[in-house]
Amino acid sequence: MKKTGSKILQGAREALAIAKGEADPSAYRVHVPAEVDTKSIRGRMGLSQNAFAKRYGFTPSQVRDWEQGRFCPTGATRAYIMVIAREPDAVDRALHAA
């Protein structure tokens, strides 16, 4: 295998270990952005504020406040919104698992 392929494969193994919770937390860093554009994310998904809130466990007033700049989501909520933006199907599967 070429050097580039080996690096990609190693990166995939490391990502899998992180996802499974098997990696040493001191060996990697998670970046949670200071701000998220909830309105843009919701708009790309084609959801109203109420539908977005209901689907992901927020209140409509929270979504409205974030989008109007009255409040910013907390760190954990920002991370959750980023996962929603990047992997909405995974979030849906996790939320609807029996």
PDB file of N, CA and C in Angstrom:
ATOM      1  N   MET A   1       0.852  -1.174   0.000  1.00  0.00           N
ATOM      2  CA  MET A   1       0.000   0.000   0.000  1.00  0.00           C
ATOM      3  C   MET A   1       0.897   1.235   0.000  1.00  0.00           C
ATOM      4  N   LYS A   2       0.479   2.226  -0.736  1.00  0.00           N
ATOM      5  CA  LYS A   2       1.248   3.459  -0.796  1.00  0.00           C
ATOM      6  C   LYS A   2       1.181   4.197   0.538  1.00  0.00           C
ATOM      7  N   LYS A   3       2.130   5.086   0.736  1.00  0.00           N
ATOM      8  CA  LYS A   3       2.230   5.847   1.976  1.00  0.00           C
ATOM      9  C   LYS A   3       0.946   6.640   2.253  1.00  0.00           C
ATOM     10  N   THR A   4       0.373   7.280   1.232  1.00  0.00           N
ATOM     11  CA  THR A   4      -0.851   8.063   1.404  1.00  0.00           C
ATOM     12  C   THR A   4      -2.004   7.170   1.837  1.00  0.00           C
ATOM     13  N   GLY A   5      -2.139   6.025   1.201  1.00  0.00           N
ATOM     14  CA  GLY A   5      -3.205   5.089   1.570  1.00  0.00           C
ATOM     15  C   GLY A   5      -3.064   4.607   2.997  1.00  0.00           C
ATOM     16  N   SER A   6      -1.835   4.360   3.419  1.00  0.00           N
ATOM     17  CA  SER A   6      -1.589   3.920   4.797  1.00  0.00           C
ATOM     18  C   SER A   6      -1.994   4.994   5.799  1.00  0.00           C
ATOM     19  N   LYS A   7      -1.689   6.244   5.466  1.00  0.00           N
ATOM     20  CA  LYS A   7      -2.058   7.346   6.362  1.00  0.00           C
ATOM     21  C   LYS A   7      -3.572   7.497   6.460  1.00  0.00           C
ATOM     22  N   ILE A   8      -4.252   7.362   5.338  1.00  0.00           N
ATOM     23  CA  ILE A   8      -5.719   7.462   5.345  1.00  0.00           C
ATOM     24  C   ILE A   8      -6.313   6.338   6.180  1.00  0.00           C
ATOM     25  N   LEU A   9      -5.803   5.123   5.988  1.00  0.00           N
ATOM     26  CA  LEU A   9      -6.294   3.979   6.745  1.00  0.00           C
ATOM     27  C   LEU A   9      -6.031   4.162   8.241  1.00  0.00           C
ATOM     28  N   GLN A  10      -4.860   4.654   8.592  1.00  0.00           N
ATOM     29  CA  GLN A  10      -4.537   4.898  10.002  1.00  0.00           C
ATOM     30  C   GLN A  10      -5.476   5.956  10.581  1.00  0.00           C
ATOM     31  N   GLY A  11      -5.743   7.004   9.821  1.00  0.00           N
ATOM     32  CA  GLY A  11      -6.670   8.039  10.284  1.00  0.00           C
ATOM     33  C   GLY A  11      -8.065   7.489  10.504  1.00  0.00           C
ATOM     34  N   ALA A  12      -8.503   6.612   9.624  1.00  0.00           N
ATOM     35  CA  ALA A  12      -9.827   5.991   9.778  1.00  0.00           C
ATOM     36  C   ALA A  12      -9.865   5.122  11.029  1.00  0.00           C
ATOM     37  N   ARG A  13      -8.790   4.394  11.287  1.00  0.00           N
ATOM     38  CA  ARG A  13      -8.725   3.565  12.512  1.00  0.00           C
ATOM     39  C   ARG A  13      -8.770   4.436  13.766  1.00  0.00           C
ATOM     40  N   GLU A  14      -8.048   5.535  13.735  1.00  0.00           N
ATOM     41  CA  GLU A  14      -8.043   6.447  14.880  1.00  0.00           C
ATOM     42  C   GLU A  14      -9.425   7.067  15.088  1.00  0.00           C
ATOM     43  N   ALA A  15     -10.076   7.469  13.998  1.00  0.00           N
ATOM     44  CA  ALA A  15     -11.417   8.047  14.107  1.00  0.00           C
ATOM     45  C   ALA A  15     -12.395   7.030  14.677  1.00  0.00           C
ATOM     46  N   LEU A  16     -12.288   5.792  14.263  1.00  0.00           N
ATOM     47  CA  LEU A  16     -13.161   4.743  14.772  1.00  0.00           C
ATOM     48  C   LEU A  16     -12.931   4.526  16.269  1.00  0.00           C
ATOM     49  N   ALA A  17     -11.686   4.532  16.686  1.00  0.00           N
ATOM     50  CA  ALA A  17     -11.375   4.368  18.111  1.00  0.00           C
ATOM     51  C   ALA A  17     -11.957   5.522  18.929  1.00  0.00           C
ATOM     52  N   ILE A  18     -11.887   6.735  18.399  1.00  0.00           N
ATOM     53  CA  ILE A  18     -12.468   7.893  19.088  1.00  0.00           C
ATOM     54  C   ILE A  18     -13.978   7.729  19.178  1.00  0.00           C
ATOM     55  N   ALA A  19     -14.604   7.369  18.069  1.00  0.00           N
ATOM     56  CA  ALA A  19     -16.061   7.206  18.036  1.00  0.00           C
ATOM     57  C   ALA A  19     -16.525   6.129  18.997  1.00  0.00           C
ATOM     58  N   LYS A  20     -15.744   5.081  19.154  1.00  0.00           N
ATOM     59  CA  LYS A  20     -16.107   3.985  20.058  1.00  0.00           C
ATOM     60  C   LYS A  20     -15.764   4.293  21.513  1.00  0.00           C
ATOM     61  N   GLY A  21     -15.060   5.387  21.745  1.00  0.00           N
ATOM     62  CA  GLY A  21     -14.662   5.751  23.103  1.00  0.00           C
ATOM     63  C   GLY A  21     -13.453   4.969  23.588  1.00  0.00           C
ATOM     64  N   GLU A  22     -12.710   4.380  22.657  1.00  0.00           N
ATOM     65  CA  GLU A  22     -11.559   3.554  23.012  1.00  0.00           C
ATOM     66  C   GLU A  22     -10.240   4.318  22.974  1.00  0.00           C
ATOM     67  N   ALA A  23     -10.246   5.505  22.420  1.00  0.00           N
ATOM     68  CA  ALA A  23      -9.009   6.278  22.280  1.00  0.00           C
ATOM     69  C   ALA A  23      -8.713   7.049  23.561  1.00  0.00           C
ATOM     70  N   ASP A  24      -7.455   7.277  23.795  1.00  0.00           N
ATOM     71  CA  ASP A  24      -7.007   8.084  24.928  1.00  0.00           C
ATOM     72  C   ASP A  24      -7.367   9.540  24.645  1.00  0.00           C
ATOM     73  N   PRO A  25      -8.230  10.157  25.484  1.00  0.00           N
ATOM     74  CA  PRO A  25      -8.656  11.539  25.234  1.00  0.00           C
ATOM     75  C   PRO A  25      -7.509  12.545  25.145  1.00  0.00           C
ATOM     76  N   SER A  26      -6.375  12.236  25.751  1.00  0.00           N
ATOM     77  CA  SER A  26      -5.246  13.170  25.667  1.00  0.00           C
ATOM     78  C   SER A  26      -4.562  13.111  24.304  1.00  0.00           C
ATOM     79  N   ALA A  27      -4.932  12.112  23.488  1.00  0.00           N
ATOM     80  CA  ALA A  27      -4.292  11.941  22.189  1.00  0.00           C
ATOM     81  C   ALA A  27      -5.016  12.672  21.060  1.00  0.00           C
ATOM     82  N   TYR A  28      -6.160  13.264  21.350  1.00  0.00           N
ATOM     83  CA  TYR A  28      -6.903  13.978  20.313  1.00  0.00           C
ATOM     84  C   TYR A  28      -7.588  15.190  20.901  1.00  0.00           C
ATOM     85  N   ARG A  29      -8.067  16.042  20.033  1.00  0.00           N
ATOM     86  CA  ARG A  29      -8.734  17.270  20.456  1.00  0.00           C
ATOM     87  C   ARG A  29     -10.049  17.410  19.710  1.00  0.00           C
ATOM     88  N   VAL A  30     -11.087  17.786  20.407  1.00  0.00           N
ATOM     89  CA  VAL A  30     -12.389  18.014  19.801  1.00  0.00           C
ATOM     90  C   VAL A  30     -12.600  19.515  19.716  1.00  0.00           C
ATOM     91  N   HIS A  31     -12.991  19.982  18.548  1.00  0.00           N
ATOM     92  CA  HIS A  31     -13.228  21.411  18.365  1.00  0.00           C
ATOM     93  C   HIS A  31     -14.722  21.681  18.317  1.00  0.00           C
ATOM     94  N   VAL A  32     -15.200  22.483  19.253  1.00  0.00           N
ATOM     95  CA  VAL A  32     -16.590  22.937  19.234  1.00  0.00           C
ATOM     96  C   VAL A  32     -16.540  24.423  18.897  1.00  0.00           C
ATOM     97  N   PRO A  33     -17.152  24.826  17.781  1.00  0.00           N
ATOM     98  CA  PRO A  33     -17.077  26.233  17.375  1.00  0.00           C
ATOM     99  C   PRO A  33     -17.735  27.158  18.393  1.00  0.00           C
ATOM    100  N   ALA A  34     -17.263  28.379  18.460  1.00  0.00           N
ATOM    101  CA  ALA A  34     -17.815  29.374  19.384  1.00  0.00           C
ATOM    102  C   ALA A  34     -19.234  29.771  18.995  1.00  0.00           C
ATOM    103  N   GLU A  35     -19.534  29.685  17.708  1.00  0.00           N
ATOM    104  CA  GLU A  35     -20.867  30.048  17.225  1.00  0.00           C
ATOM    105  C   GLU A  35     -21.321  29.042  16.182  1.00  0.00           C
ATOM    106  N   VAL A  36     -22.621  28.833  16.123  1.00  0.00           N
ATOM    107  CA  VAL A  36     -23.204  28.026  15.058  1.00  0.00           C
ATOM    108  C   VAL A  36     -24.341  28.822  14.431  1.00  0.00           C
ATOM    109  N   ASP A  37     -24.522  28.646  13.137  1.00  0.00           N
ATOM    110  CA  ASP A  37     -25.577  29.346  12.422  1.00  0.00           C
ATOM    111  C   ASP A  37     -26.799  28.429  12.341  1.00  0.00           C
ATOM    112  N   THR A  38     -27.559  28.411  13.413  1.00  0.00           N
ATOM    113  CA  THR A  38     -28.722  27.524  13.502  1.00  0.00           C
ATOM    114  C   THR A  38     -29.709  27.779  12.374  1.00  0.00           C
ATOM    115  N   LYS A  39     -29.921  29.038  12.046  1.00  0.00           N
ATOM    116  CA  LYS A  39     -30.882  29.374  10.990  1.00  0.00           C
ATOM    117  C   LYS A  39     -30.463  28.773   9.648  1.00  0.00           C
ATOM    118  N   SER A  40     -29.198  28.874   9.331  1.00  0.00           N
ATOM    119  CA  SER A  40     -28.697  28.327   8.083  1.00  0.00           C
ATOM    120  C   SER A  40     -28.809  26.801   8.070  1.00  0.00           C
ATOM    121  N   ILE A  41     -28.435  26.183   9.160  1.00  0.00           N
ATOM    122  CA  ILE A  41     -28.513  24.718   9.268  1.00  0.00           C
ATOM    123  C   ILE A  41     -29.966  24.268   9.123  1.00  0.00           C
ATOM    124  N   ARG A  42     -30.842  24.912   9.849  1.00  0.00           N
ATOM    125  CA  ARG A  42     -32.271  24.577   9.783  1.00  0.00           C
ATOM    126  C   ARG A  42     -32.811  24.808   8.381  1.00  0.00           C
ATOM    127  N   GLY A  43     -32.402  25.912   7.745  1.00  0.00           N
ATOM    128  CA  GLY A  43     -32.861  26.232   6.400  1.00  0.00           C
ATOM    129  C   GLY A  43     -32.422  25.202   5.376  1.00  0.00           C
ATOM    130  N   ARG A  44     -31.167  24.745   5.484  1.00  0.00           N
ATOM    131  CA  ARG A  44     -30.678  23.713   4.558  1.00  0.00           C
ATOM    132  C   ARG A  44     -31.474  22.420   4.705  1.00  0.00           C
ATOM    133  N   MET A  45     -31.997  22.192   5.902  1.00  0.00           N
ATOM    134  CA  MET A  45     -32.775  20.978   6.146  1.00  0.00           C
ATOM    135  C   MET A  45     -34.229  21.140   5.718  1.00  0.00           C
ATOM    136  N   GLY A  46     -34.618  22.384   5.407  1.00  0.00           N
ATOM    137  CA  GLY A  46     -35.987  22.635   4.969  1.00  0.00           C
ATOM    138  C   GLY A  46     -37.008  22.516   6.088  1.00  0.00           C
ATOM    139  N   LEU A  47     -36.589  22.831   7.318  1.00  0.00           N
ATOM    140  CA  LEU A  47     -37.480  22.712   8.478  1.00  0.00           C
ATOM    141  C   LEU A  47     -37.849  24.088   9.020  1.00  0.00           C
ATOM    142  N   SER A  48     -39.088  24.207   9.479  1.00  0.00           N
ATOM    143  CA  SER A  48     -39.503  25.417  10.193  1.00  0.00           C
ATOM    144  C   SER A  48     -38.833  25.404  11.564  1.00  0.00           C
ATOM    145  N   GLN A  49     -38.886  26.526  12.258  1.00  0.00           N
ATOM    146  CA  GLN A  49     -38.336  26.567  13.619  1.00  0.00           C
ATOM    147  C   GLN A  49     -39.028  25.539  14.500  1.00  0.00           C
ATOM    148  N   ASN A  50     -40.358  25.461  14.403  1.00  0.00           N
ATOM    149  CA  ASN A  50     -41.097  24.506  15.230  1.00  0.00           C
ATOM    150  C   ASN A  50     -40.731  23.066  14.899  1.00  0.00           C
ATOM    151  N   ALA A  51     -40.622  22.749  13.609  1.00  0.00           N
ATOM    152  CA  ALA A  51     -40.286  21.382  13.195  1.00  0.00           C
ATOM    153  C   ALA A  51     -38.869  21.011  13.636  1.00  0.00           C
ATOM    154  N   PHE A  52     -37.922  21.941  13.490  1.00  0.00           N
ATOM    155  CA  PHE A  52     -36.545  21.702  13.908  1.00  0.00           C
ATOM    156  C   PHE A  52     -36.495  21.452  15.415  1.00  0.00           C
ATOM    157  N   ALA A  53     -37.185  22.299  16.164  1.00  0.00           N
ATOM    158  CA  ALA A  53     -37.216  22.164  17.622  1.00  0.00           C
ATOM    159  C   ALA A  53     -37.799  20.814  18.032  1.00  0.00           C
ATOM    160  N   LYS A  54     -38.920  20.466  17.461  1.00  0.00           N
ATOM    161  CA  LYS A  54     -39.590  19.203  17.820  1.00  0.00           C
ATOM    162  C   LYS A  54     -38.735  17.995  17.446  1.00  0.00           C
ATOM    163  N   ARG A  55     -38.141  18.047  16.276  1.00  0.00           N
ATOM    164  CA  ARG A  55     -37.360  16.910  15.774  1.00  0.00           C
ATOM    165  C   ARG A  55     -36.127  16.632  16.625  1.00  0.00           C
ATOM    166  N   TYR A  56     -35.496  17.701  17.153  1.00  0.00           N
ATOM    167  CA  TYR A  56     -34.227  17.523  17.857  1.00  0.00           C
ATOM    168  C   TYR A  56     -34.263  17.820  19.358  1.00  0.00           C
ATOM    169  N   GLY A  57     -35.445  18.035  19.913  1.00  0.00           N
ATOM    170  CA  GLY A  57     -35.562  18.169  21.359  1.00  0.00           C
ATOM    171  C   GLY A  57     -35.330  19.551  21.928  1.00  0.00           C
ATOM    172  N   PHE A  58     -35.449  20.569  21.098  1.00  0.00           N
ATOM    173  CA  PHE A  58     -35.334  21.943  21.576  1.00  0.00           C
ATOM    174  C   PHE A  58     -36.733  22.508  21.751  1.00  0.00           C
ATOM    175  N   THR A  59     -36.816  23.677  22.365  1.00  0.00           N
ATOM    176  CA  THR A  59     -38.098  24.372  22.379  1.00  0.00           C
ATOM    177  C   THR A  59     -38.094  25.366  21.222  1.00  0.00           C
ATOM    178  N   PRO A  60     -39.268  25.668  20.674  1.00  0.00           N
ATOM    179  CA  PRO A  60     -39.308  26.670  19.598  1.00  0.00           C
ATOM    180  C   PRO A  60     -38.725  28.010  20.034  1.00  0.00           C
ATOM    181  N   SER A  61     -38.924  28.373  21.288  1.00  0.00           N
ATOM    182  CA  SER A  61     -38.389  29.659  21.754  1.00  0.00           C
ATOM    183  C   SER A  61     -36.856  29.642  21.800  1.00  0.00           C
ATOM    184  N   GLN A  62     -36.248  28.501  22.105  1.00  0.00           N
ATOM    185  CA  GLN A  62     -34.784  28.417  22.072  1.00  0.00           C
ATOM    186  C   GLN A  62     -34.274  28.659  20.653  1.00  0.00           C
ATOM    187  N   VAL A  63     -34.876  27.972  19.702  1.00  0.00           N
ATOM    188  CA  VAL A  63     -34.449  28.114  18.310  1.00  0.00           C
ATOM    189  C   VAL A  63     -34.621  29.559  17.856  1.00  0.00           C
ATOM    190  N   ARG A  64     -35.755  30.149  18.187  1.00  0.00           N
ATOM    191  CA  ARG A  64     -36.028  31.542  17.814  1.00  0.00           C
ATOM    192  C   ARG A  64     -34.988  32.473  18.447  1.00  0.00           C
ATOM    193  N   ASP A  65     -34.695  32.277  19.742  1.00  0.00           N
ATOM    194  CA  ASP A  65     -33.715  33.128  20.439  1.00  0.00           C
ATOM    195  C   ASP A  65     -32.321  32.997  19.828  1.00  0.00           C
ATOM    196  N   TRP A  66     -31.907  31.784  19.478  1.00  0.00           N
ATOM    197  CA  TRP A  66     -30.596  31.597  18.841  1.00  0.00           C
ATOM    198  C   TRP A  66     -30.537  32.317  17.506  1.00  0.00           C
ATOM    199  N   GLU A  67     -31.589  32.145  16.723  1.00  0.00           N
ATOM    200  CA  GLU A  67     -31.591  32.725  15.383  1.00  0.00           C
ATOM    201  C   GLU A  67     -31.694  34.247  15.394  1.00  0.00           C
ATOM    202  N   GLN A  68     -32.303  34.804  16.421  1.00  0.00           N
ATOM    203  CA  GLN A  68     -32.431  36.253  16.511  1.00  0.00           C
ATOM    204  C   GLN A  68     -31.303  36.880  17.327  1.00  0.00           C
ATOM    205  N   GLY A  69     -30.362  36.056  17.768  1.00  0.00           N
ATOM    206  CA  GLY A  69     -29.185  36.553  18.465  1.00  0.00           C
ATOM    207  C   GLY A  69     -29.406  36.949  19.911  1.00  0.00           C
ATOM    208  N   ARG A  70     -30.532  36.583  20.494  1.00  0.00           N
ATOM    209  CA  ARG A  70     -30.773  36.918  21.902  1.00  0.00           C
ATOM    210  C   ARG A  70     -29.960  36.033  22.832  1.00  0.00           C
ATOM    211  N   PHE A  71     -29.769  34.784  22.432  1.00  0.00           N
ATOM    212  CA  PHE A  71     -28.977  33.837  23.212  1.00  0.00           C
ATOM    213  C   PHE A  71     -28.142  32.997  22.255  1.00  0.00           C
ATOM    214  N   CYS A  72     -27.053  32.440  22.791  1.00  0.00           N
ATOM    215  CA  CYS A  72     -26.229  31.513  22.014  1.00  0.00           C
ATOM    216  C   CYS A  72     -26.337  30.139  22.650  1.00  0.00           C
ATOM    217  N   PRO A  73     -26.366  29.094  21.842  1.00  0.00           N
ATOM    218  CA  PRO A  73     -26.389  27.755  22.419  1.00  0.00           C
ATOM    219  C   PRO A  73     -25.145  27.508  23.273  1.00  0.00           C
ATOM    220  N   THR A  74     -25.302  26.711  24.324  1.00  0.00           N
ATOM    221  CA  THR A  74     -24.170  26.352  25.183  1.00  0.00           C
ATOM    222  C   THR A  74     -23.219  25.446  24.417  1.00  0.00           C
ATOM    223  N   GLY A  75     -22.070  25.160  24.985  1.00  0.00           N
ATOM    224  CA  GLY A  75     -21.067  24.321  24.323  1.00  0.00           C
ATOM    225  C   GLY A  75     -21.599  22.971  23.889  1.00  0.00           C
ATOM    226  N   ALA A  76     -22.267  22.268  24.787  1.00  0.00           N
ATOM    227  CA  ALA A  76     -22.797  20.944  24.444  1.00  0.00           C
ATOM    228  C   ALA A  76     -23.875  21.055  23.366  1.00  0.00           C
ATOM    229  N   THR A  77     -24.705  22.068  23.462  1.00  0.00           N
ATOM    230  CA  THR A  77     -25.754  22.259  22.461  1.00  0.00           C
ATOM    231  C   THR A  77     -25.154  22.642  21.113  1.00  0.00           C
ATOM    232  N   ARG A  78     -24.107  23.470  21.122  1.00  0.00           N
ATOM    233  CA  ARG A  78     -23.419  23.814  19.866  1.00  0.00           C
ATOM    234  C   ARG A  78     -22.860  22.553  19.213  1.00  0.00           C
ATOM    235  N   ALA A  79     -22.265  21.689  20.024  1.00  0.00           N
ATOM    236  CA  ALA A  79     -21.721  20.441  19.488  1.00  0.00           C
ATOM    237  C   ALA A  79     -22.840  19.583  18.899  1.00  0.00           C
ATOM    238  N   TYR A  80     -23.953  19.492  19.596  1.00  0.00           N
ATOM    239  CA  TYR A  80     -25.109  18.723  19.120  1.00  0.00           C
ATOM    240  C   TYR A  80     -25.625  19.294  17.792  1.00  0.00           C
ATOM    241  N   ILE A  81     -25.719  20.597  17.709  1.00  0.00           N
ATOM    242  CA  ILE A  81     -26.195  21.231  16.475  1.00  0.00           C
ATOM    243  C   ILE A  81     -25.218  20.957  15.325  1.00  0.00           C
ATOM    244  N   MET A  82     -23.926  20.944  15.596  1.00  0.00           N
ATOM    245  CA  MET A  82     -22.957  20.630  14.552  1.00  0.00           C
ATOM    246  C   MET A  82     -23.107  19.183  14.072  1.00  0.00           C
ATOM    247  N   VAL A  83     -23.391  18.278  14.989  1.00  0.00           N
ATOM    248  CA  VAL A  83     -23.628  16.887  14.588  1.00  0.00           C
ATOM    249  C   VAL A  83     -24.897  16.813  13.746  1.00  0.00           C
ATOM    250  N   ILE A  84     -25.933  17.543  14.146  1.00  0.00           N
ATOM    251  CA  ILE A  84     -27.170  17.600  13.356  1.00  0.00           C
ATOM    252  C   ILE A  84     -26.859  18.097  11.952  1.00  0.00           C
ATOM    253  N   ALA A  85     -26.044  19.134  11.854  1.00  0.00           N
ATOM    254  CA  ALA A  85     -25.710  19.721  10.550  1.00  0.00           C
ATOM    255  C   ALA A  85     -24.945  18.747   9.662  1.00  0.00           C
ATOM    256  N   ARG A  86     -24.039  17.995  10.254  1.00  0.00           N
ATOM    257  CA  ARG A  86     -23.161  17.136   9.458  1.00  0.00           C
ATOM    258  C   ARG A  86     -23.678  15.714   9.289  1.00  0.00           C
ATOM    259  N   GLU A  87     -24.415  15.209  10.275  1.00  0.00           N
ATOM    260  CA  GLU A  87     -24.869  13.813  10.231  1.00  0.00           C
ATOM    261  C   GLU A  87     -26.325  13.693  10.704  1.00  0.00           C
ATOM    262  N   PRO A  88     -27.253  14.380  10.030  1.00  0.00           N
ATOM    263  CA  PRO A  88     -28.645  14.352  10.492  1.00  0.00           C
ATOM    264  C   PRO A  88     -29.259  12.951  10.512  1.00  0.00           C
ATOM    265  N   ASP A  89     -28.862  12.101   9.574  1.00  0.00           N
ATOM    266  CA  ASP A  89     -29.407  10.742   9.563  1.00  0.00           C
ATOM    267  C   ASP A  89     -28.963   9.954  10.792  1.00  0.00           C
ATOM    268  N   ALA A  90     -27.717  10.128  11.197  1.00  0.00           N
ATOM    269  CA  ALA A  90     -27.209   9.447  12.390  1.00  0.00           C
ATOM    270  C   ALA A  90     -27.950   9.930  13.639  1.00  0.00           C
ATOM    271  N   VAL A  91     -28.206  11.230  13.712  1.00  0.00           N
ATOM    272  CA  VAL A  91     -28.947  11.772  14.857  1.00  0.00           C
ATOM    273  C   VAL A  91     -30.360  11.206  14.869  1.00  0.00           C
ATOM    274  N   ASP A  92     -31.000  11.173  13.708  1.00  0.00           N
ATOM    275  CA  ASP A  92     -32.359  10.619  13.623  1.00  0.00           C
ATOM    276  C   ASP A  92     -32.379   9.159  14.063  1.00  0.00           C
ATOM    277  N   ARG A  93     -31.395   8.375  13.607  1.00  0.00           N
ATOM    278  CA  ARG A  93     -31.346   6.957  14.010  1.00  0.00           C
ATOM    279  C   ARG A  93     -31.168   6.843  15.518  1.00  0.00           C
ATOM    280  N   ALA A  94     -30.289   7.651  16.082  1.00  0.00           N
ATOM    281  CA  ALA A  94     -30.036   7.585  17.525  1.00  0.00           C
ATOM    282  C   ALA A  94     -31.260   8.009  18.334  1.00  0.00           C
ATOM    283  N   LEU A  95     -31.953   9.033  17.872  1.00  0.00           N
ATOM    284  CA  LEU A  95     -33.117   9.519  18.616  1.00  0.00           C
ATOM    285  C   LEU A  95     -34.334   8.611  18.489  1.00  0.00           C
ATOM    286  N   HIS A  96     -34.381   7.837  17.428  1.00  0.00           N
ATOM    287  CA  HIS A  96     -35.554   6.992  17.207  1.00  0.00           C
ATOM    288  C   HIS A  96     -35.272   5.509  17.437  1.00  0.00           C
ATOM    289  N   ALA A  97     -34.125   5.203  18.021  1.00  0.00           N
ATOM    290  CA  ALA A  97     -33.800   3.802  18.318  1.00  0.00           C
ATOM    291  C   ALA A  97     -34.660   3.315  19.482  1.00  0.00           C
ATOM    292  N   ALA A  98     -35.084   2.107  19.372  1.00  0.00           N
ATOM    293  CA  ALA A  98     -35.952   1.542  20.437  1.00  0.00           C
ATOM    294  C   ALA A  98     -35.140   0.960  21.542  1.00  0.00           C
TER     295      ALA A  98
END
